[in-house]
Amino acid sequence: MVDLAREAGGYEPVDPSVKVNQGQWHRIILSFDLAAGKYDKYIDGVYHSSQANAGLDGRQSIGQTFWLLNDNDGENGEVYLNSLAIYDRSLTADEARALGRSSGSGIPRVIP
């Protein structure tokens, strides 16, 4: 179980070594549980942090259209995207770990 109180808003990793490095490929997983009002973040299969969200119809909900890879306050940077997967459920820590690092072949159709 993750202690949300010990995390600084979810922007900083629980372990400072778990980060996205410029110029390297990473598998980034955002696993949303809108009903619980939170989401977990994983970098290359390793837990990064959790963050609160606005719930079922909040900011992280997907409607008929949605924004991808945007920022609400102008902290923008260049990004390359190899693959994108959207599941109809929240992924577990074990599933994120099984997906692991990024791969040139994209995202497996079935989570190992």
PDB file of N, CA and C in Angstrom:
ATOM      1  N   MET A   1       0.845  -1.178   0.000  1.00  0.00           N
ATOM      2  CA  MET A   1       0.000   0.000   0.000  1.00  0.00           C
ATOM      3  C   MET A   1       0.885   1.234   0.000  1.00  0.00           C
ATOM      4  N   VAL A   2       0.544   2.218  -0.794  1.00  0.00           N
ATOM      5  CA  VAL A   2       1.325   3.440  -0.918  1.00  0.00           C
ATOM      6  C   VAL A   2       0.819   4.465   0.085  1.00  0.00           C
ATOM      7  N   ASP A   3       1.744   5.110   0.795  1.00  0.00           N
ATOM      8  CA  ASP A   3       1.414   6.160   1.734  1.00  0.00           C
ATOM      9  C   ASP A   3       1.416   7.488   0.987  1.00  0.00           C
ATOM     10  N   LEU A   4       0.242   7.954   0.553  1.00  0.00           N
ATOM     11  CA  LEU A   4       0.151   9.189  -0.220  1.00  0.00           C
ATOM     12  C   LEU A   4       0.612  10.394   0.588  1.00  0.00           C
ATOM     13  N   ALA A   5       0.484  10.338   1.902  1.00  0.00           N
ATOM     14  CA  ALA A   5       0.866  11.476   2.736  1.00  0.00           C
ATOM     15  C   ALA A   5       2.364  11.752   2.674  1.00  0.00           C
ATOM     16  N   ARG A   6       3.178  10.728   2.426  1.00  0.00           N
ATOM     17  CA  ARG A   6       4.622  10.954   2.424  1.00  0.00           C
ATOM     18  C   ARG A   6       5.142  11.412   1.072  1.00  0.00           C
ATOM     19  N   GLU A   7       4.283  11.504   0.086  1.00  0.00           N
ATOM     20  CA  GLU A   7       4.698  11.904  -1.245  1.00  0.00           C
ATOM     21  C   GLU A   7       4.341  13.354  -1.499  1.00  0.00           C
ATOM     22  N   ALA A   8       5.253  14.091  -2.069  1.00  0.00           N
ATOM     23  CA  ALA A   8       5.084  15.528  -2.311  1.00  0.00           C
ATOM     24  C   ALA A   8       4.209  15.777  -3.523  1.00  0.00           C
ATOM     25  N   GLY A   9       2.929  15.498  -3.426  1.00  0.00           N
ATOM     26  CA  GLY A   9       2.009  15.779  -4.515  1.00  0.00           C
ATOM     27  C   GLY A   9       2.122  14.829  -5.682  1.00  0.00           C
ATOM     28  N   GLY A  10       3.012  13.877  -5.619  1.00  0.00           N
ATOM     29  CA  GLY A  10       3.150  12.905  -6.683  1.00  0.00           C
ATOM     30  C   GLY A  10       4.046  13.323  -7.819  1.00  0.00           C
ATOM     31  N   TYR A  11       4.573  14.541  -7.807  1.00  0.00           N
ATOM     32  CA  TYR A  11       5.448  14.973  -8.885  1.00  0.00           C
ATOM     33  C   TYR A  11       6.859  14.431  -8.720  1.00  0.00           C
ATOM     34  N   GLU A  12       7.302  14.299  -7.512  1.00  0.00           N
ATOM     35  CA  GLU A  12       8.647  13.797  -7.230  1.00  0.00           C
ATOM     36  C   GLU A  12       8.572  12.310  -6.909  1.00  0.00           C
ATOM     37  N   PRO A  13       9.539  11.540  -7.360  1.00  0.00           N
ATOM     38  CA  PRO A  13       9.506  10.098  -7.110  1.00  0.00           C
ATOM     39  C   PRO A  13       9.760   9.777  -5.634  1.00  0.00           C
ATOM     40  N   VAL A  14       9.209   8.655  -5.194  1.00  0.00           N
ATOM     41  CA  VAL A  14       9.488   8.164  -3.847  1.00  0.00           C
ATOM     42  C   VAL A  14      10.978   7.862  -3.739  1.00  0.00           C
ATOM     43  N   ASP A  15      11.540   7.270  -4.780  1.00  0.00           N
ATOM     44  CA  ASP A  15      12.970   6.980  -4.865  1.00  0.00           C
ATOM     45  C   ASP A  15      13.554   7.922  -5.923  1.00  0.00           C
ATOM     46  N   PRO A  16      14.446   8.853  -5.537  1.00  0.00           N
ATOM     47  CA  PRO A  16      14.980   9.835  -6.491  1.00  0.00           C
ATOM     48  C   PRO A  16      15.680   9.237  -7.716  1.00  0.00           C
ATOM     49  N   SER A  17      16.066   7.963  -7.670  1.00  0.00           N
ATOM     50  CA  SER A  17      16.721   7.353  -8.823  1.00  0.00           C
ATOM     51  C   SER A  17      15.718   6.950  -9.912  1.00  0.00           C
ATOM     52  N   VAL A  18      14.422   6.952  -9.589  1.00  0.00           N
ATOM     53  CA  VAL A  18      13.381   6.581 -10.555  1.00  0.00           C
ATOM     54  C   VAL A  18      12.933   7.860 -11.265  1.00  0.00           C
ATOM     55  N   LYS A  19      13.497   8.086 -12.455  1.00  0.00           N
ATOM     56  CA  LYS A  19      13.199   9.326 -13.162  1.00  0.00           C
ATOM     57  C   LYS A  19      13.285   9.120 -14.666  1.00  0.00           C
ATOM     58  N   VAL A  20      12.750  10.078 -15.384  1.00  0.00           N
ATOM     59  CA  VAL A  20      12.831  10.091 -16.835  1.00  0.00           C
ATOM     60  C   VAL A  20      14.063  10.911 -17.202  1.00  0.00           C
ATOM     61  N   ASN A  21      14.934  10.308 -17.977  1.00  0.00           N
ATOM     62  CA  ASN A  21      16.167  10.964 -18.390  1.00  0.00           C
ATOM     63  C   ASN A  21      16.059  11.425 -19.831  1.00  0.00           C
ATOM     64  N   GLN A  22      16.440  12.655 -20.075  1.00  0.00           N
ATOM     65  CA  GLN A  22      16.422  13.214 -21.422  1.00  0.00           C
ATOM     66  C   GLN A  22      17.344  12.402 -22.329  1.00  0.00           C
ATOM     67  N   GLY A  23      16.883  12.146 -23.549  1.00  0.00           N
ATOM     68  CA  GLY A  23      17.700  11.424 -24.522  1.00  0.00           C
ATOM     69  C   GLY A  23      17.653   9.914 -24.370  1.00  0.00           C
ATOM     70  N   GLN A  24      16.779   9.395 -23.508  1.00  0.00           N
ATOM     71  CA  GLN A  24      16.644   7.945 -23.325  1.00  0.00           C
ATOM     72  C   GLN A  24      15.178   7.549 -23.503  1.00  0.00           C
ATOM     73  N   TRP A  25      14.968   6.343 -23.996  1.00  0.00           N
ATOM     74  CA  TRP A  25      13.616   5.802 -24.106  1.00  0.00           C
ATOM     75  C   TRP A  25      13.195   5.251 -22.753  1.00  0.00           C
ATOM     76  N   HIS A  26      11.938   5.479 -22.398  1.00  0.00           N
ATOM     77  CA  HIS A  26      11.381   4.966 -21.145  1.00  0.00           C
ATOM     78  C   HIS A  26       9.971   4.465 -21.395  1.00  0.00           C
ATOM     79  N   ARG A  27       9.559   3.496 -20.616  1.00  0.00           N
ATOM     80  CA  ARG A  27       8.154   3.095 -20.597  1.00  0.00           C
ATOM     81  C   ARG A  27       7.535   3.786 -19.388  1.00  0.00           C
ATOM     82  N   ILE A  28       6.593   4.670 -19.648  1.00  0.00           N
ATOM     83  CA  ILE A  28       5.909   5.417 -18.597  1.00  0.00           C
ATOM     84  C   ILE A  28       4.485   4.897 -18.495  1.00  0.00           C
ATOM     85  N   ILE A  29       4.115   4.491 -17.305  1.00  0.00           N
ATOM     86  CA  ILE A  29       2.764   3.970 -17.079  1.00  0.00           C
ATOM     87  C   ILE A  29       2.059   4.878 -16.079  1.00  0.00           C
ATOM     88  N   LEU A  30       0.897   5.369 -16.477  1.00  0.00           N
ATOM     89  CA  LEU A  30       0.002   6.090 -15.586  1.00  0.00           C
ATOM     90  C   LEU A  30      -1.208   5.194 -15.395  1.00  0.00           C
ATOM     91  N   SER A  31      -1.388   4.700 -14.198  1.00  0.00           N
ATOM     92  CA  SER A  31      -2.451   3.749 -13.915  1.00  0.00           C
ATOM     93  C   SER A  31      -3.512   4.433 -13.053  1.00  0.00           C
ATOM     94  N   PHE A  32      -4.626   4.796 -13.683  1.00  0.00           N
ATOM     95  CA  PHE A  32      -5.668   5.577 -13.030  1.00  0.00           C
ATOM     96  C   PHE A  32      -6.717   4.694 -12.378  1.00  0.00           C
ATOM     97  N   ASP A  33      -7.098   5.037 -11.160  1.00  0.00           N
ATOM     98  CA  ASP A  33      -8.256   4.469 -10.486  1.00  0.00           C
ATOM     99  C   ASP A  33      -9.143   5.663 -10.146  1.00  0.00           C
ATOM    100  N   LEU A  34      -9.968   6.059 -11.109  1.00  0.00           N
ATOM    101  CA  LEU A  34     -10.762   7.268 -10.954  1.00  0.00           C
ATOM    102  C   LEU A  34     -11.750   7.155  -9.806  1.00  0.00           C
ATOM    103  N   ALA A  35     -12.312   5.970  -9.584  1.00  0.00           N
ATOM    104  CA  ALA A  35     -13.261   5.795  -8.490  1.00  0.00           C
ATOM    105  C   ALA A  35     -12.589   6.030  -7.134  1.00  0.00           C
ATOM    106  N   ALA A  36     -11.323   5.649  -7.010  1.00  0.00           N
ATOM    107  CA  ALA A  36     -10.582   5.842  -5.759  1.00  0.00           C
ATOM    108  C   ALA A  36      -9.988   7.251  -5.673  1.00  0.00           C
ATOM    109  N   GLY A  37     -10.002   7.990  -6.778  1.00  0.00           N
ATOM    110  CA  GLY A  37      -9.485   9.350  -6.775  1.00  0.00           C
ATOM    111  C   GLY A  37      -7.971   9.448  -6.740  1.00  0.00           C
ATOM    112  N   LYS A  38      -7.281   8.492  -7.397  1.00  0.00           N
ATOM    113  CA  LYS A  38      -5.811   8.560  -7.431  1.00  0.00           C
ATOM    114  C   LYS A  38      -5.275   7.850  -8.663  1.00  0.00           C
ATOM    115  N   TYR A  39      -4.001   8.114  -8.945  1.00  0.00           N
ATOM    116  CA  TYR A  39      -3.321   7.334  -9.971  1.00  0.00           C
ATOM    117  C   TYR A  39      -1.882   7.104  -9.567  1.00  0.00           C
ATOM    118  N   ASP A  40      -1.363   5.956 -10.032  1.00  0.00           N
ATOM    119  CA  ASP A  40       0.005   5.552  -9.747  1.00  0.00           C
ATOM    120  C   ASP A  40       0.842   5.739 -10.997  1.00  0.00           C
ATOM    121  N   LYS A  41       2.115   6.095 -10.793  1.00  0.00           N
ATOM    122  CA  LYS A  41       3.041   6.301 -11.902  1.00  0.00           C
ATOM    123  C   LYS A  41       4.199   5.325 -11.775  1.00  0.00           C
ATOM    124  N   TYR A  42       4.605   4.772 -12.927  1.00  0.00           N
ATOM    125  CA  TYR A  42       5.714   3.822 -12.990  1.00  0.00           C
ATOM    126  C   TYR A  42       6.634   4.249 -14.128  1.00  0.00           C
ATOM    127  N   ILE A  43       7.919   4.149 -13.914  1.00  0.00           N
ATOM    128  CA  ILE A  43       8.919   4.407 -14.944  1.00  0.00           C
ATOM    129  C   ILE A  43       9.691   3.114 -15.154  1.00  0.00           C
ATOM    130  N   ASP A  44       9.643   2.562 -16.352  1.00  0.00           N
ATOM    131  CA  ASP A  44      10.350   1.316 -16.682  1.00  0.00           C
ATOM    132  C   ASP A  44       9.998   0.186 -15.712  1.00  0.00           C
ATOM    133  N   GLY A  45       8.724   0.133 -15.307  1.00  0.00           N
ATOM    134  CA  GLY A  45       8.244  -0.932 -14.434  1.00  0.00           C
ATOM    135  C   GLY A  45       8.487  -0.711 -12.957  1.00  0.00           C
ATOM    136  N   VAL A  46       9.113   0.418 -12.586  1.00  0.00           N
ATOM    137  CA  VAL A  46       9.427   0.711 -11.190  1.00  0.00           C
ATOM    138  C   VAL A  46       8.495   1.810 -10.695  1.00  0.00           C
ATOM    139  N   TYR A  47       7.930   1.617  -9.502  1.00  0.00           N
ATOM    140  CA  TYR A  47       7.019   2.593  -8.918  1.00  0.00           C
ATOM    141  C   TYR A  47       7.695   3.953  -8.782  1.00  0.00           C
ATOM    142  N   HIS A  48       7.021   4.996  -9.219  1.00  0.00           N
ATOM    143  CA  HIS A  48       7.503   6.373  -9.119  1.00  0.00           C
ATOM    144  C   HIS A  48       6.788   7.103  -7.979  1.00  0.00           C
ATOM    145  N   SER A  49       5.455   7.204  -8.061  1.00  0.00           N
ATOM    146  CA  SER A  49       4.682   7.930  -7.061  1.00  0.00           C
ATOM    147  C   SER A  49       3.194   7.762  -7.347  1.00  0.00           C
ATOM    148  N   SER A  50       2.383   8.274  -6.442  1.00  0.00           N
ATOM    149  CA  SER A  50       0.936   8.329  -6.628  1.00  0.00           C
ATOM    150  C   SER A  50       0.497   9.772  -6.505  1.00  0.00           C
ATOM    151  N   GLN A  51      -0.642  10.040  -7.097  1.00  0.00           N
ATOM    152  CA  GLN A  51      -1.159  11.403  -7.056  1.00  0.00           C
ATOM    153  C   GLN A  51      -2.673  11.343  -7.009  1.00  0.00           C
ATOM    154  N   ALA A  52      -3.274  12.296  -6.323  1.00  0.00           N
ATOM    155  CA  ALA A  52      -4.727  12.385  -6.275  1.00  0.00           C
ATOM    156  C   ALA A  52      -5.243  12.902  -7.609  1.00  0.00           C
ATOM    157  N   ASN A  53      -6.470  12.501  -7.955  1.00  0.00           N
ATOM    158  CA  ASN A  53      -7.115  13.066  -9.137  1.00  0.00           C
ATOM    159  C   ASN A  53      -8.528  13.489  -8.766  1.00  0.00           C
ATOM    160  N   ALA A  54      -9.239  14.041  -9.712  1.00  0.00           N
ATOM    161  CA  ALA A  54     -10.546  14.633  -9.436  1.00  0.00           C
ATOM    162  C   ALA A  54     -11.701  13.639  -9.554  1.00  0.00           C
ATOM    163  N   GLY A  55     -11.411  12.358  -9.644  1.00  0.00           N
ATOM    164  CA  GLY A  55     -12.486  11.374  -9.655  1.00  0.00           C
ATOM    165  C   GLY A  55     -13.025  11.037 -11.030  1.00  0.00           C
ATOM    166  N   LEU A  56     -14.189  10.392 -11.028  1.00  0.00           N
ATOM    167  CA  LEU A  56     -14.751   9.803 -12.249  1.00  0.00           C
ATOM    168  C   LEU A  56     -14.915  10.779 -13.406  1.00  0.00           C
ATOM    169  N   ASP A  57     -15.341  11.987 -13.146  1.00  0.00           N
ATOM    170  CA  ASP A  57     -15.552  12.951 -14.226  1.00  0.00           C
ATOM    171  C   ASP A  57     -14.567  14.109 -14.139  1.00  0.00           C
ATOM    172  N   GLY A  58     -13.421  13.878 -13.543  1.00  0.00           N
ATOM    173  CA  GLY A  58     -12.431  14.925 -13.335  1.00  0.00           C
ATOM    174  C   GLY A  58     -11.453  15.077 -14.473  1.00  0.00           C
ATOM    175  N   ARG A  59     -10.388  15.755 -14.179  1.00  0.00           N
ATOM    176  CA  ARG A  59      -9.380  16.143 -15.165  1.00  0.00           C
ATOM    177  C   ARG A  59      -8.762  14.955 -15.901  1.00  0.00           C
ATOM    178  N   GLN A  60      -8.573  13.822 -15.237  1.00  0.00           N
ATOM    179  CA  GLN A  60      -7.924  12.681 -15.879  1.00  0.00           C
ATOM    180  C   GLN A  60      -8.909  11.735 -16.576  1.00  0.00           C
ATOM    181  N   SER A  61     -10.180  12.069 -16.608  1.00  0.00           N
ATOM    182  CA  SER A  61     -11.167  11.244 -17.305  1.00  0.00           C
ATOM    183  C   SER A  61     -11.010  11.409 -18.812  1.00  0.00           C
ATOM    184  N   ILE A  62     -11.384  10.379 -19.542  1.00  0.00           N
ATOM    185  CA  ILE A  62     -11.365  10.464 -21.004  1.00  0.00           C
ATOM    186  C   ILE A  62     -12.804  10.539 -21.489  1.00  0.00           C
ATOM    187  N   GLY A  63     -13.077  11.563 -22.270  1.00  0.00           N
ATOM    188  CA  GLY A  63     -14.390  11.719 -22.881  1.00  0.00           C
ATOM    189  C   GLY A  63     -14.297  11.388 -24.358  1.00  0.00           C
ATOM    190  N   GLN A  64     -15.110  12.052 -25.170  1.00  0.00           N
ATOM    191  CA  GLN A  64     -15.065  11.817 -26.606  1.00  0.00           C
ATOM    192  C   GLN A  64     -13.741  12.278 -27.200  1.00  0.00           C
ATOM    193  N   THR A  65     -13.149  13.297 -26.621  1.00  0.00           N
ATOM    194  CA  THR A  65     -11.821  13.749 -27.017  1.00  0.00           C
ATOM    195  C   THR A  65     -10.983  13.917 -25.749  1.00  0.00           C
ATOM    196  N   PHE A  66      -9.652  13.883 -25.910  1.00  0.00           N
ATOM    197  CA  PHE A  66      -8.782  14.105 -24.760  1.00  0.00           C
ATOM    198  C   PHE A  66      -7.440  14.626 -25.235  1.00  0.00           C
ATOM    199  N   TRP A  67      -6.751  15.299 -24.343  1.00  0.00           N
ATOM    200  CA  TRP A  67      -5.414  15.808 -24.628  1.00  0.00           C
ATOM    201  C   TRP A  67      -4.408  14.785 -24.159  1.00  0.00           C
ATOM    202  N   LEU A  68      -3.366  14.631 -24.926  1.00  0.00           N
ATOM    203  CA  LEU A  68      -2.314  13.679 -24.591  1.00  0.00           C
ATOM    204  C   LEU A  68      -0.986  14.428 -24.548  1.00  0.00           C
ATOM    205  N   LEU A  69      -0.206  14.191 -23.522  1.00  0.00           N
ATOM    206  CA  LEU A  69       1.131  14.789 -23.391  1.00  0.00           C
ATOM    207  C   LEU A  69       1.078  16.318 -23.383  1.00  0.00           C
ATOM    208  N   ASN A  70       0.172  16.866 -22.609  1.00  0.00           N
ATOM    209  CA  ASN A  70       0.092  18.316 -22.489  1.00  0.00           C
ATOM    210  C   ASN A  70       0.355  18.714 -21.039  1.00  0.00           C
ATOM    211  N   ASP A  71       0.512  19.993 -20.841  1.00  0.00           N
ATOM    212  CA  ASP A  71       0.757  20.527 -19.512  1.00  0.00           C
ATOM    213  C   ASP A  71      -0.105  21.764 -19.337  1.00  0.00           C
ATOM    214  N   ASN A  72      -0.642  21.960 -18.151  1.00  0.00           N
ATOM    215  CA  ASN A  72      -1.579  23.055 -17.946  1.00  0.00           C
ATOM    216  C   ASN A  72      -0.921  24.391 -17.593  1.00  0.00           C
ATOM    217  N   ASP A  73       0.381  24.417 -17.332  1.00  0.00           N
ATOM    218  CA  ASP A  73       0.992  25.692 -16.950  1.00  0.00           C
ATOM    219  C   ASP A  73       2.266  26.011 -17.739  1.00  0.00           C
ATOM    220  N   GLY A  74       2.372  25.471 -18.946  1.00  0.00           N
ATOM    221  CA  GLY A  74       3.431  25.884 -19.852  1.00  0.00           C
ATOM    222  C   GLY A  74       4.787  25.233 -19.666  1.00  0.00           C
ATOM    223  N   GLU A  75       4.902  24.239 -18.818  1.00  0.00           N
ATOM    224  CA  GLU A  75       6.178  23.531 -18.663  1.00  0.00           C
ATOM    225  C   GLU A  75       6.271  22.480 -19.766  1.00  0.00           C
ATOM    226  N   ASN A  76       6.584  22.910 -20.932  1.00  0.00           N
ATOM    227  CA  ASN A  76       6.551  22.048 -22.101  1.00  0.00           C
ATOM    228  C   ASN A  76       7.951  21.600 -22.505  1.00  0.00           C
ATOM    229  N   GLY A  77       8.018  20.468 -23.152  1.00  0.00           N
ATOM    230  CA  GLY A  77       9.269  19.969 -23.687  1.00  0.00           C
ATOM    231  C   GLY A  77       8.975  19.012 -24.824  1.00  0.00           C
ATOM    232  N   GLU A  78       9.983  18.742 -25.609  1.00  0.00           N
ATOM    233  CA  GLU A  78       9.844  17.835 -26.744  1.00  0.00           C
ATOM    234  C   GLU A  78       9.783  16.401 -26.243  1.00  0.00           C
ATOM    235  N   VAL A  79       8.959  15.610 -26.903  1.00  0.00           N
ATOM    236  CA  VAL A  79       8.834  14.204 -26.533  1.00  0.00           C
ATOM    237  C   VAL A  79       8.613  13.382 -27.797  1.00  0.00           C
ATOM    238  N   TYR A  80       9.147  12.190 -27.827  1.00  0.00           N
ATOM    239  CA  TYR A  80       8.912  11.238 -28.904  1.00  0.00           C
ATOM    240  C   TYR A  80       8.096  10.096 -28.325  1.00  0.00           C
ATOM    241  N   LEU A  81       7.072   9.688 -29.034  1.00  0.00           N
ATOM    242  CA  LEU A  81       6.184   8.641 -28.574  1.00  0.00           C
ATOM    243  C   LEU A  81       6.250   7.468 -29.545  1.00  0.00           C
ATOM    244  N   ASN A  82       6.622   6.288 -29.036  1.00  0.00           N
ATOM    245  CA  ASN A  82       6.712   5.098 -29.867  1.00  0.00           C
ATOM    246  C   ASN A  82       5.382   4.372 -29.899  1.00  0.00           C
ATOM    247  N   SER A  83       4.768   4.176 -28.745  1.00  0.00           N
ATOM    248  CA  SER A  83       3.546   3.383 -28.648  1.00  0.00           C
ATOM    249  C   SER A  83       2.663   3.949 -27.548  1.00  0.00           C
ATOM    250  N   LEU A  84       1.370   3.693 -27.667  1.00  0.00           N
ATOM    251  CA  LEU A  84       0.411   4.120 -26.657  1.00  0.00           C
ATOM    252  C   LEU A  84      -0.594   2.996 -26.462  1.00  0.00           C
ATOM    253  N   ALA A  85      -0.872   2.667 -25.216  1.00  0.00           N
ATOM    254  CA  ALA A  85      -1.912   1.680 -24.902  1.00  0.00           C
ATOM    255  C   ALA A  85      -2.848   2.289 -23.875  1.00  0.00           C
ATOM    256  N   ILE A  86      -4.134   2.100 -24.083  1.00  0.00           N
ATOM    257  CA  ILE A  86      -5.138   2.538 -23.113  1.00  0.00           C
ATOM    258  C   ILE A  86      -5.951   1.307 -22.740  1.00  0.00           C
ATOM    259  N   TYR A  87      -5.950   0.987 -21.461  1.00  0.00           N
ATOM    260  CA  TYR A  87      -6.698  -0.174 -20.956  1.00  0.00           C
ATOM    261  C   TYR A  87      -7.964   0.317 -20.273  1.00  0.00           C
ATOM    262  N   ASP A  88      -8.937  -0.544 -20.151  1.00  0.00           N
ATOM    263  CA  ASP A  88     -10.201  -0.157 -19.527  1.00  0.00           C
ATOM    264  C   ASP A  88     -10.213  -0.443 -18.027  1.00  0.00           C
ATOM    265  N   ARG A  89      -9.021  -0.486 -17.446  1.00  0.00           N
ATOM    266  CA  ARG A  89      -8.903  -0.725 -16.009  1.00  0.00           C
ATOM    267  C   ARG A  89      -7.542  -0.217 -15.551  1.00  0.00           C
ATOM    268  N   SER A  90      -7.382  -0.134 -14.258  1.00  0.00           N
ATOM    269  CA  SER A  90      -6.115   0.280 -13.679  1.00  0.00           C
ATOM    270  C   SER A  90      -5.138  -0.893 -13.690  1.00  0.00           C
ATOM    271  N   LEU A  91      -3.891  -0.644 -14.067  1.00  0.00           N
ATOM    272  CA  LEU A  91      -2.881  -1.706 -14.038  1.00  0.00           C
ATOM    273  C   LEU A  91      -2.308  -1.832 -12.630  1.00  0.00           C
ATOM    274  N   THR A  92      -1.951  -3.039 -12.263  1.00  0.00           N
ATOM    275  CA  THR A  92      -1.371  -3.284 -10.949  1.00  0.00           C
ATOM    276  C   THR A  92       0.138  -3.048 -10.986  1.00  0.00           C
ATOM    277  N   ALA A  93       0.734  -2.970  -9.812  1.00  0.00           N
ATOM    278  CA  ALA A  93       2.196  -2.832  -9.709  1.00  0.00           C
ATOM    279  C   ALA A  93       2.887  -4.026 -10.354  1.00  0.00           C
ATOM    280  N   ASP A  94       2.335  -5.224 -10.189  1.00  0.00           N
ATOM    281  CA  ASP A  94       2.922  -6.422 -10.795  1.00  0.00           C
ATOM    282  C   ASP A  94       2.869  -6.346 -12.321  1.00  0.00           C
ATOM    283  N   GLU A  95       1.773  -5.850 -12.878  1.00  0.00           N
ATOM    284  CA  GLU A  95       1.665  -5.711 -14.330  1.00  0.00           C
ATOM    285  C   GLU A  95       2.639  -4.657 -14.852  1.00  0.00           C
ATOM    286  N   ALA A  96       2.773  -3.550 -14.140  1.00  0.00           N
ATOM    287  CA  ALA A  96       3.741  -2.522 -14.547  1.00  0.00           C
ATOM    288  C   ALA A  96       5.150  -3.087 -14.521  1.00  0.00           C
ATOM    289  N   ARG A  97       5.467  -3.857 -13.495  1.00  0.00           N
ATOM    290  CA  ARG A  97       6.796  -4.484 -13.381  1.00  0.00           C
ATOM    291  C   ARG A  97       7.016  -5.465 -14.533  1.00  0.00           C
ATOM    292  N   ALA A  98       5.978  -6.232 -14.888  1.00  0.00           N
ATOM    293  CA  ALA A  98       6.091  -7.204 -15.979  1.00  0.00           C
ATOM    294  C   ALA A  98       6.304  -6.507 -17.328  1.00  0.00           C
ATOM    295  N   LEU A  99       5.706  -5.349 -17.528  1.00  0.00           N
ATOM    296  CA  LEU A  99       5.910  -4.610 -18.771  1.00  0.00           C
ATOM    297  C   LEU A  99       7.324  -4.039 -18.854  1.00  0.00           C
ATOM    298  N   GLY A 100       7.886  -3.656 -17.717  1.00  0.00           N
ATOM    299  CA  GLY A 100       9.289  -3.267 -17.633  1.00  0.00           C
ATOM    300  C   GLY A 100       9.679  -2.089 -18.499  1.00  0.00           C
ATOM    301  N   ARG A 101      10.881  -2.167 -19.052  1.00  0.00           N
ATOM    302  CA  ARG A 101      11.460  -1.081 -19.852  1.00  0.00           C
ATOM    303  C   ARG A 101      10.831  -1.018 -21.241  1.00  0.00           C
ATOM    304  N   SER A 102      11.066   0.077 -21.913  1.00  0.00           N
ATOM    305  CA  SER A 102      10.555   0.246 -23.272  1.00  0.00           C
ATOM    306  C   SER A 102      11.232  -0.742 -24.214  1.00  0.00           C
ATOM    307  N   SER A 103      10.561  -0.992 -25.326  1.00  0.00           N
ATOM    308  CA  SER A 103      11.066  -1.948 -26.306  1.00  0.00           C
ATOM    309  C   SER A 103      10.801  -1.412 -27.703  1.00  0.00           C
ATOM    310  N   GLY A 104      11.713  -1.669 -28.607  1.00  0.00           N
ATOM    311  CA  GLY A 104      11.549  -1.251 -29.988  1.00  0.00           C
ATOM    312  C   GLY A 104      10.347  -1.890 -30.652  1.00  0.00           C
ATOM    313  N   SER A 105       9.872  -2.996 -30.105  1.00  0.00           N
ATOM    314  CA  SER A 105       8.709  -3.676 -30.690  1.00  0.00           C
ATOM    315  C   SER A 105       7.396  -3.135 -30.130  1.00  0.00           C
ATOM    316  N   GLY A 106       7.480  -2.100 -29.304  1.00  0.00           N
ATOM    317  CA  GLY A 106       6.252  -1.485 -28.773  1.00  0.00           C
ATOM    318  C   GLY A 106       5.766  -2.177 -27.517  1.00  0.00           C
ATOM    319  N   ILE A 107       4.466  -2.065 -27.284  1.00  0.00           N
ATOM    320  CA  ILE A 107       3.833  -2.611 -26.081  1.00  0.00           C
ATOM    321  C   ILE A 107       3.253  -3.972 -26.397  1.00  0.00           C
ATOM    322  N   PRO A 108       3.519  -4.978 -25.568  1.00  0.00           N
ATOM    323  CA  PRO A 108       2.937  -6.298 -25.825  1.00  0.00           C
ATOM    324  C   PRO A 108       1.405  -6.233 -25.850  1.00  0.00           C
ATOM    325  N   ARG A 109       0.798  -7.002 -26.726  1.00  0.00           N
ATOM    326  CA  ARG A 109      -0.664  -7.028 -26.783  1.00  0.00           C
ATOM    327  C   ARG A 109      -1.261  -7.632 -25.523  1.00  0.00           C
ATOM    328  N   VAL A 110      -0.545  -8.571 -24.937  1.00  0.00           N
ATOM    329  CA  VAL A 110      -0.972  -9.201 -23.683  1.00  0.00           C
ATOM    330  C   VAL A 110       0.085  -8.889 -22.636  1.00  0.00           C
ATOM    331  N   ILE A 111      -0.328  -8.417 -21.477  1.00  0.00           N
ATOM    332  CA  ILE A 111       0.625  -8.100 -20.421  1.00  0.00           C
ATOM    333  C   ILE A 111       1.196  -9.407 -19.891  1.00  0.00           C
ATOM    334  N   PRO A 112       2.535  -9.526 -19.854  1.00  0.00           N
ATOM    335  CA  PRO A 112       3.142 -10.789 -19.409  1.00  0.00           C
ATOM    336  C   PRO A 112       2.725 -11.178 -18.007  1.00  0.00           C
TER     337      PRO A 112
END
